[in-house]
Amino acid sequence: MLHQFLDFVRSLTNPDQLIYLLSTVLSGWVGYVALFAVVFAESGLLVGFFLPGDSLLFTVGIVAGAGKLPIIGTIVMLTAASILGDGIGFLLGSTLGYSLFKNTNSRIFRREYLDRTHEFYERHGGKTIIYAKFVPIIRTFAAFIAGVGKMHYVRFLSFNVFGAIGWVTSMIMLGYLLGNVPFIRHNFEKVVLLIIAVSLLPALLHILKSRKQQPALTSK
């Protein structure tokens, strides 16, 4: 059962297999529900960190470019899924807090994920909600941390909406525009890894900038 589920998840990040799924077992509204559910869970449900995010959206863009999905409707739908997913993550954080992560030996709710996201959030504040959309694992836990930190919901929502629109639109449009390039299709997995690496650059540059500023402030 687990093996079949993992095969299904992997098929979501393969353009040809995703097209096949949307034409067979995920045809019609079922396919839209499945894509919505994956983005929703990966964005905010704490167990969704293993689900594909950037790679799924990039693949969806390729499928839309092949005429199998409506590009505008798909972007709107998956943006809504990301916003709602983060909303649930925020709600969990504000109500359950750290209680889910008390067990340091947990394989699912690992404390290191929480600590890593909390550290990132402490450095960058509300901007983390936007940065986190482009960073795997941190994306899943950032809204939860915002809830734990009792961030004002209206402020959280503004960052959340902006980040979701930017993340979903950019990833899908990249796939839509580049998906038919032969080099991209022949090196799809490498391209996805490159996209993830590039998406990390803004956050990494901001961290480096913050570290350079700290010694300057200390010397004063």
C-alpha atoms as a PDB file:
ATOM      1  CA  MET A   1       0.000   0.000   0.000  1.00  0.00           C
ATOM      2  CA  LEU A   2       2.780   2.420   0.952  1.00  0.00           C
ATOM      3  CA  HIS A   3       4.735   1.487  -2.171  1.00  0.00           C
ATOM      4  CA  GLN A   4       1.686   2.235  -4.345  1.00  0.00           C
ATOM      5  CA  PHE A   5       1.176   5.578  -2.620  1.00  0.00           C
ATOM      6  CA  LEU A   6       4.815   6.565  -3.182  1.00  0.00           C
ATOM      7  CA  ASP A   7       4.551   5.570  -6.836  1.00  0.00           C
ATOM      8  CA  PHE A   8       1.462   7.760  -7.120  1.00  0.00           C
ATOM      9  CA  VAL A   9       3.283  10.716  -5.549  1.00  0.00           C
ATOM     10  CA  ARG A  10       6.238  10.264  -7.915  1.00  0.00           C
ATOM     11  CA  SER A  11       3.896  10.115 -10.901  1.00  0.00           C
ATOM     12  CA  LEU A  12       2.616  13.598 -10.012  1.00  0.00           C
ATOM     13  CA  THR A  13       6.031  15.025 -10.865  1.00  0.00           C
ATOM     14  CA  ASN A  14       6.362  13.290 -14.220  1.00  0.00           C
ATOM     15  CA  PRO A  15       4.595  15.176 -17.057  1.00  0.00           C
ATOM     16  CA  ASP A  16       3.717  12.113 -19.137  1.00  0.00           C
ATOM     17  CA  GLN A  17       2.469  10.128 -16.143  1.00  0.00           C
ATOM     18  CA  LEU A  18       0.464  13.085 -14.825  1.00  0.00           C
ATOM     19  CA  ILE A  19      -1.184  13.541 -18.206  1.00  0.00           C
ATOM     20  CA  TYR A  20      -2.013   9.838 -18.188  1.00  0.00           C
ATOM     21  CA  LEU A  21      -3.503  10.058 -14.688  1.00  0.00           C
ATOM     22  CA  LEU A  22      -5.606  13.095 -15.601  1.00  0.00           C
ATOM     23  CA  SER A  23      -6.916  11.179 -18.617  1.00  0.00           C
ATOM     24  CA  THR A  24      -7.790   8.011 -16.673  1.00  0.00           C
ATOM     25  CA  VAL A  25      -8.191   7.579 -12.912  1.00  0.00           C
ATOM     26  CA  LEU A  26      -8.012  11.330 -12.190  1.00  0.00           C
ATOM     27  CA  SER A  27     -10.169  12.498 -15.064  1.00  0.00           C
ATOM     28  CA  GLY A  28     -12.614  15.360 -14.620  1.00  0.00           C
ATOM     29  CA  TRP A  29     -13.155  16.990 -11.239  1.00  0.00           C
ATOM     30  CA  VAL A  30     -11.295  14.156  -9.448  1.00  0.00           C
ATOM     31  CA  GLY A  31      -7.999  15.364 -10.917  1.00  0.00           C
ATOM     32  CA  TYR A  32      -8.583  18.920  -9.732  1.00  0.00           C
ATOM     33  CA  VAL A  33      -9.466  17.694  -6.258  1.00  0.00           C
ATOM     34  CA  ALA A  34      -6.299  15.567  -6.128  1.00  0.00           C
ATOM     35  CA  LEU A  35      -4.035  18.459  -7.174  1.00  0.00           C
ATOM     36  CA  PHE A  36      -5.789  20.800  -4.750  1.00  0.00           C
ATOM     37  CA  ALA A  37      -5.382  18.283  -1.920  1.00  0.00           C
ATOM     38  CA  VAL A  38      -1.650  17.791  -2.517  1.00  0.00           C
ATOM     39  CA  VAL A  39      -0.865  21.522  -2.550  1.00  0.00           C
ATOM     40  CA  PHE A  40      -3.174  22.101   0.410  1.00  0.00           C
ATOM     41  CA  ALA A  41      -1.500  19.369   2.483  1.00  0.00           C
ATOM     42  CA  GLU A  42       2.041  20.296   1.457  1.00  0.00           C
ATOM     43  CA  SER A  43       1.423  23.939   2.342  1.00  0.00           C
ATOM     44  CA  GLY A  44      -0.063  23.642   5.790  1.00  0.00           C
ATOM     45  CA  LEU A  45      -0.724  20.158   7.120  1.00  0.00           C
ATOM     46  CA  LEU A  46       2.302  19.221   9.195  1.00  0.00           C
ATOM     47  CA  VAL A  47       2.498  15.705   7.747  1.00  0.00           C
ATOM     48  CA  GLY A  48       2.635  17.054   4.195  1.00  0.00           C
ATOM     49  CA  PHE A  49       6.317  17.983   4.159  1.00  0.00           C
ATOM     50  CA  PHE A  50       7.181  14.872   2.084  1.00  0.00           C
ATOM     51  CA  LEU A  51       4.734  15.760  -0.699  1.00  0.00           C
ATOM     52  CA  PRO A  52       5.974  17.426  -3.907  1.00  0.00           C
ATOM     53  CA  GLY A  53       5.577  21.193  -4.018  1.00  0.00           C
ATOM     54  CA  ASP A  54       7.788  23.033  -6.510  1.00  0.00           C
ATOM     55  CA  SER A  55       8.181  19.977  -8.722  1.00  0.00           C
ATOM     56  CA  LEU A  56       4.415  19.360  -8.794  1.00  0.00           C
ATOM     57  CA  LEU A  57       3.628  22.957  -9.776  1.00  0.00           C
ATOM     58  CA  PHE A  58       6.320  22.906 -12.462  1.00  0.00           C
ATOM     59  CA  THR A  59       4.888  19.645 -13.814  1.00  0.00           C
ATOM     60  CA  VAL A  60       1.362  21.069 -13.725  1.00  0.00           C
ATOM     61  CA  GLY A  61       2.639  23.973 -15.820  1.00  0.00           C
ATOM     62  CA  ILE A  62       4.003  21.560 -18.409  1.00  0.00           C
ATOM     63  CA  VAL A  63       0.700  19.688 -18.497  1.00  0.00           C
ATOM     64  CA  ALA A  64      -1.170  22.991 -18.904  1.00  0.00           C
ATOM     65  CA  GLY A  65       1.184  23.892 -21.741  1.00  0.00           C
ATOM     66  CA  ALA A  66       0.221  20.609 -23.414  1.00  0.00           C
ATOM     67  CA  GLY A  67      -3.412  21.727 -23.317  1.00  0.00           C
ATOM     68  CA  LYS A  68      -4.501  19.231 -20.652  1.00  0.00           C
ATOM     69  CA  LEU A  69      -5.261  21.830 -17.944  1.00  0.00           C
ATOM     70  CA  PRO A  70      -6.567  25.419 -18.116  1.00  0.00           C
ATOM     71  CA  ILE A  71      -3.642  27.600 -17.094  1.00  0.00           C
ATOM     72  CA  ILE A  72      -5.523  30.486 -15.430  1.00  0.00           C
ATOM     73  CA  GLY A  73      -8.058  28.311 -13.624  1.00  0.00           C
ATOM     74  CA  THR A  74      -5.329  25.984 -12.388  1.00  0.00           C
ATOM     75  CA  ILE A  75      -3.235  28.855 -11.020  1.00  0.00           C
ATOM     76  CA  VAL A  76      -6.248  30.313  -9.192  1.00  0.00           C
ATOM     77  CA  MET A  77      -7.245  26.919  -7.793  1.00  0.00           C
ATOM     78  CA  LEU A  78      -3.798  25.963  -6.527  1.00  0.00           C
ATOM     79  CA  THR A  79      -3.168  29.449  -5.139  1.00  0.00           C
ATOM     80  CA  ALA A  80      -6.358  29.045  -3.115  1.00  0.00           C
ATOM     81  CA  ALA A  81      -5.158  25.602  -1.980  1.00  0.00           C
ATOM     82  CA  SER A  82      -1.867  27.090  -0.776  1.00  0.00           C
ATOM     83  CA  ILE A  83      -3.585  29.957   1.056  1.00  0.00           C
ATOM     84  CA  LEU A  84      -6.069  27.643   2.751  1.00  0.00           C
ATOM     85  CA  GLY A  85      -3.351  25.136   3.641  1.00  0.00           C
ATOM     86  CA  ASP A  86      -1.326  27.837   5.357  1.00  0.00           C
ATOM     87  CA  GLY A  87      -4.479  29.014   7.096  1.00  0.00           C
ATOM     88  CA  ILE A  88      -4.911  25.572   8.631  1.00  0.00           C
ATOM     89  CA  GLY A  89      -1.230  25.513   9.598  1.00  0.00           C
ATOM     90  CA  PHE A  90      -1.652  28.869  11.343  1.00  0.00           C
ATOM     91  CA  LEU A  91      -4.737  27.585  13.165  1.00  0.00           C
ATOM     92  CA  LEU A  92      -2.890  24.467  14.328  1.00  0.00           C
ATOM     93  CA  GLY A  93      -0.009  26.572  15.575  1.00  0.00           C
ATOM     94  CA  SER A  94      -2.211  28.984  17.469  1.00  0.00           C
ATOM     95  CA  THR A  95      -4.198  26.193  19.158  1.00  0.00           C
ATOM     96  CA  LEU A  96      -1.886  23.175  19.527  1.00  0.00           C
ATOM     97  CA  GLY A  97       1.419  25.020  19.705  1.00  0.00           C
ATOM     98  CA  TYR A  98       4.442  22.983  20.651  1.00  0.00           C
ATOM     99  CA  SER A  99       2.450  20.062  22.048  1.00  0.00           C
ATOM    100  CA  LEU A 100       2.788  18.094  18.792  1.00  0.00           C
ATOM    101  CA  PHE A 101       6.576  18.302  18.991  1.00  0.00           C
ATOM    102  CA  LYS A 102       7.148  17.321  22.621  1.00  0.00           C
ATOM    103  CA  ASN A 103       8.391  13.886  21.630  1.00  0.00           C
ATOM    104  CA  THR A 104      11.936  14.441  20.327  1.00  0.00           C
ATOM    105  CA  ASN A 105      12.013  10.907  18.901  1.00  0.00           C
ATOM    106  CA  SER A 106       8.952  11.356  16.702  1.00  0.00           C
ATOM    107  CA  ARG A 107       9.583  10.402  13.076  1.00  0.00           C
ATOM    108  CA  ILE A 108       6.812  12.616  11.710  1.00  0.00           C
ATOM    109  CA  PHE A 109       6.710  15.685  13.980  1.00  0.00           C
ATOM    110  CA  ARG A 110      10.468  15.981  14.338  1.00  0.00           C
ATOM    111  CA  ARG A 111      11.540  18.776  16.646  1.00  0.00           C
ATOM    112  CA  GLU A 112      14.431  19.678  14.330  1.00  0.00           C
ATOM    113  CA  TYR A 113      11.944  20.758  11.643  1.00  0.00           C
ATOM    114  CA  LEU A 114      10.221  23.031  14.124  1.00  0.00           C
ATOM    115  CA  ASP A 115      13.489  24.467  15.458  1.00  0.00           C
ATOM    116  CA  ARG A 116      14.857  25.053  11.970  1.00  0.00           C
ATOM    117  CA  THR A 117      11.731  26.912  10.892  1.00  0.00           C
ATOM    118  CA  HIS A 118      11.536  28.845  14.154  1.00  0.00           C
ATOM    119  CA  GLU A 119      15.130  30.049  13.727  1.00  0.00           C
ATOM    120  CA  PHE A 120      14.420  31.134  10.163  1.00  0.00           C
ATOM    121  CA  TYR A 121      11.240  32.899  11.293  1.00  0.00           C
ATOM    122  CA  GLU A 122      13.040  34.740  14.116  1.00  0.00           C
ATOM    123  CA  ARG A 123      15.549  36.152  11.652  1.00  0.00           C
ATOM    124  CA  HIS A 124      13.144  37.359   9.024  1.00  0.00           C
ATOM    125  CA  GLY A 125       9.800  37.936  10.740  1.00  0.00           C
ATOM    126  CA  GLY A 126       6.744  38.232   8.522  1.00  0.00           C
ATOM    127  CA  LYS A 127       8.838  37.981   5.364  1.00  0.00           C
ATOM    128  CA  THR A 128       9.368  34.335   6.257  1.00  0.00           C
ATOM    129  CA  ILE A 129       5.811  33.580   5.142  1.00  0.00           C
ATOM    130  CA  ILE A 130       6.841  34.725   1.653  1.00  0.00           C
ATOM    131  CA  TYR A 131      10.349  33.259   1.670  1.00  0.00           C
ATOM    132  CA  ALA A 132       9.073  29.946   3.018  1.00  0.00           C
ATOM    133  CA  LYS A 133       6.843  29.417  -0.010  1.00  0.00           C
ATOM    134  CA  PHE A 134       9.998  28.781  -2.014  1.00  0.00           C
ATOM    135  CA  VAL A 135      11.771  26.606   0.569  1.00  0.00           C
ATOM    136  CA  PRO A 136      10.825  22.900   0.962  1.00  0.00           C
ATOM    137  CA  ILE A 137       9.998  21.702   4.514  1.00  0.00           C
ATOM    138  CA  ILE A 138      10.158  25.264   5.881  1.00  0.00           C
ATOM    139  CA  ARG A 139       7.163  26.001   3.645  1.00  0.00           C
ATOM    140  CA  THR A 140       5.126  23.400   5.504  1.00  0.00           C
ATOM    141  CA  PHE A 141       5.957  24.659   9.000  1.00  0.00           C
ATOM    142  CA  ALA A 142       6.204  28.462   8.576  1.00  0.00           C
ATOM    143  CA  ALA A 143       2.486  29.114   9.011  1.00  0.00           C
ATOM    144  CA  PHE A 144       2.435  26.844  12.059  1.00  0.00           C
ATOM    145  CA  ILE A 145       5.263  28.855  13.636  1.00  0.00           C
ATOM    146  CA  ALA A 146       3.403  32.078  12.861  1.00  0.00           C
ATOM    147  CA  GLY A 147       0.459  30.676  14.802  1.00  0.00           C
ATOM    148  CA  VAL A 148       2.670  29.556  17.683  1.00  0.00           C
ATOM    149  CA  GLY A 149       4.172  33.058  17.823  1.00  0.00           C
ATOM    150  CA  LYS A 150       0.673  34.581  17.959  1.00  0.00           C
ATOM    151  CA  MET A 151       1.296  36.651  14.841  1.00  0.00           C
ATOM    152  CA  HIS A 152      -1.670  38.905  14.111  1.00  0.00           C
ATOM    153  CA  TYR A 153      -3.855  37.002  11.649  1.00  0.00           C
ATOM    154  CA  VAL A 154      -4.522  39.941   9.312  1.00  0.00           C
ATOM    155  CA  ARG A 155      -0.773  40.552   8.991  1.00  0.00           C
ATOM    156  CA  PHE A 156      -0.163  36.837   8.456  1.00  0.00           C
ATOM    157  CA  LEU A 157      -2.888  36.679   5.811  1.00  0.00           C
ATOM    158  CA  SER A 158      -1.389  39.539   3.796  1.00  0.00           C
ATOM    159  CA  PHE A 159       2.010  37.808   3.634  1.00  0.00           C
ATOM    160  CA  ASN A 160       0.330  34.458   3.013  1.00  0.00           C
ATOM    161  CA  VAL A 161      -1.716  35.665   0.025  1.00  0.00           C
ATOM    162  CA  PHE A 162       1.226  37.494  -1.538  1.00  0.00           C
ATOM    163  CA  GLY A 163       3.532  34.514  -1.082  1.00  0.00           C
ATOM    164  CA  ALA A 164       1.030  31.978  -2.415  1.00  0.00           C
ATOM    165  CA  ILE A 165       0.328  34.019  -5.540  1.00  0.00           C
ATOM    166  CA  GLY A 166       4.041  34.469  -6.234  1.00  0.00           C
ATOM    167  CA  TRP A 167       4.976  30.839  -5.589  1.00  0.00           C
ATOM    168  CA  VAL A 168       2.170  29.120  -7.484  1.00  0.00           C
ATOM    169  CA  THR A 169       2.205  31.513 -10.431  1.00  0.00           C
ATOM    170  CA  SER A 170       5.984  31.488 -10.900  1.00  0.00           C
ATOM    171  CA  MET A 171       6.354  27.703 -10.665  1.00  0.00           C
ATOM    172  CA  ILE A 172       3.433  26.925 -12.979  1.00  0.00           C
ATOM    173  CA  MET A 173       4.414  29.576 -15.525  1.00  0.00           C
ATOM    174  CA  LEU A 174       7.985  28.254 -15.623  1.00  0.00           C
ATOM    175  CA  GLY A 175       6.642  24.835 -16.532  1.00  0.00           C
ATOM    176  CA  TYR A 176       4.141  26.310 -18.968  1.00  0.00           C
ATOM    177  CA  LEU A 177       6.761  28.346 -20.830  1.00  0.00           C
ATOM    178  CA  LEU A 178       9.663  25.900 -20.695  1.00  0.00           C
ATOM    179  CA  GLY A 179       7.926  22.534 -20.713  1.00  0.00           C
ATOM    180  CA  ASN A 180       8.101  22.007 -24.475  1.00  0.00           C
ATOM    181  CA  VAL A 181      11.807  22.753 -24.712  1.00  0.00           C
ATOM    182  CA  PRO A 182      13.481  19.419 -25.611  1.00  0.00           C
ATOM    183  CA  PHE A 183      16.395  19.975 -23.220  1.00  0.00           C
ATOM    184  CA  ILE A 184      13.954  20.539 -20.334  1.00  0.00           C
ATOM    185  CA  ARG A 185      11.967  17.395 -21.076  1.00  0.00           C
ATOM    186  CA  HIS A 186      15.105  15.251 -21.430  1.00  0.00           C
ATOM    187  CA  ASN A 187      16.627  16.554 -18.198  1.00  0.00           C
ATOM    188  CA  PHE A 188      13.443  17.091 -16.238  1.00  0.00           C
ATOM    189  CA  GLU A 189      14.653  15.887 -12.827  1.00  0.00           C
ATOM    190  CA  LYS A 190      17.812  17.995 -13.008  1.00  0.00           C
ATOM    191  CA  VAL A 191      15.816  21.052 -14.019  1.00  0.00           C
ATOM    192  CA  VAL A 192      13.472  20.601 -11.060  1.00  0.00           C
ATOM    193  CA  LEU A 193      16.447  20.398  -8.691  1.00  0.00           C
ATOM    194  CA  LEU A 194      17.870  23.550 -10.273  1.00  0.00           C
ATOM    195  CA  ILE A 195      14.563  25.370  -9.763  1.00  0.00           C
ATOM    196  CA  ILE A 196      14.537  24.399  -6.094  1.00  0.00           C
ATOM    197  CA  ALA A 197      18.142  25.564  -5.709  1.00  0.00           C
ATOM    198  CA  VAL A 198      17.396  28.900  -7.385  1.00  0.00           C
ATOM    199  CA  SER A 199      14.312  29.370  -5.223  1.00  0.00           C
ATOM    200  CA  LEU A 200      16.534  29.156  -2.156  1.00  0.00           C
ATOM    201  CA  LEU A 201      18.812  31.971  -3.285  1.00  0.00           C
ATOM    202  CA  PRO A 202      16.757  34.960  -2.037  1.00  0.00           C
ATOM    203  CA  ALA A 203      16.500  33.485   1.448  1.00  0.00           C
ATOM    204  CA  LEU A 204      20.192  32.536   1.510  1.00  0.00           C
ATOM    205  CA  LEU A 205      21.253  35.994   0.347  1.00  0.00           C
ATOM    206  CA  HIS A 206      19.093  37.578   3.017  1.00  0.00           C
ATOM    207  CA  ILE A 207      20.681  35.363   5.689  1.00  0.00           C
ATOM    208  CA  LEU A 208      24.184  36.295   4.518  1.00  0.00           C
ATOM    209  CA  LYS A 209      23.251  39.959   4.524  1.00  0.00           C
ATOM    210  CA  SER A 210      21.910  39.680   8.081  1.00  0.00           C
ATOM    211  CA  ARG A 211      25.102  37.980   9.281  1.00  0.00           C
ATOM    212  CA  LYS A 212      27.249  40.705   7.759  1.00  0.00           C
ATOM    213  CA  GLN A 213      25.168  43.381   9.459  1.00  0.00           C
ATOM    214  CA  GLN A 214      25.408  41.786  12.919  1.00  0.00           C
ATOM    215  CA  PRO A 215      29.209  42.253  13.348  1.00  0.00           C
ATOM    216  CA  ALA A 216      28.844  45.842  12.159  1.00  0.00           C
ATOM    217  CA  LEU A 217      26.194  46.533  14.798  1.00  0.00           C
ATOM    218  CA  THR A 218      28.288  44.801  17.477  1.00  0.00           C
ATOM    219  CA  SER A 219      31.374  46.891  16.663  1.00  0.00           C
ATOM    220  CA  LYS A 220      29.363  50.045  17.176  1.00  0.00           C
END
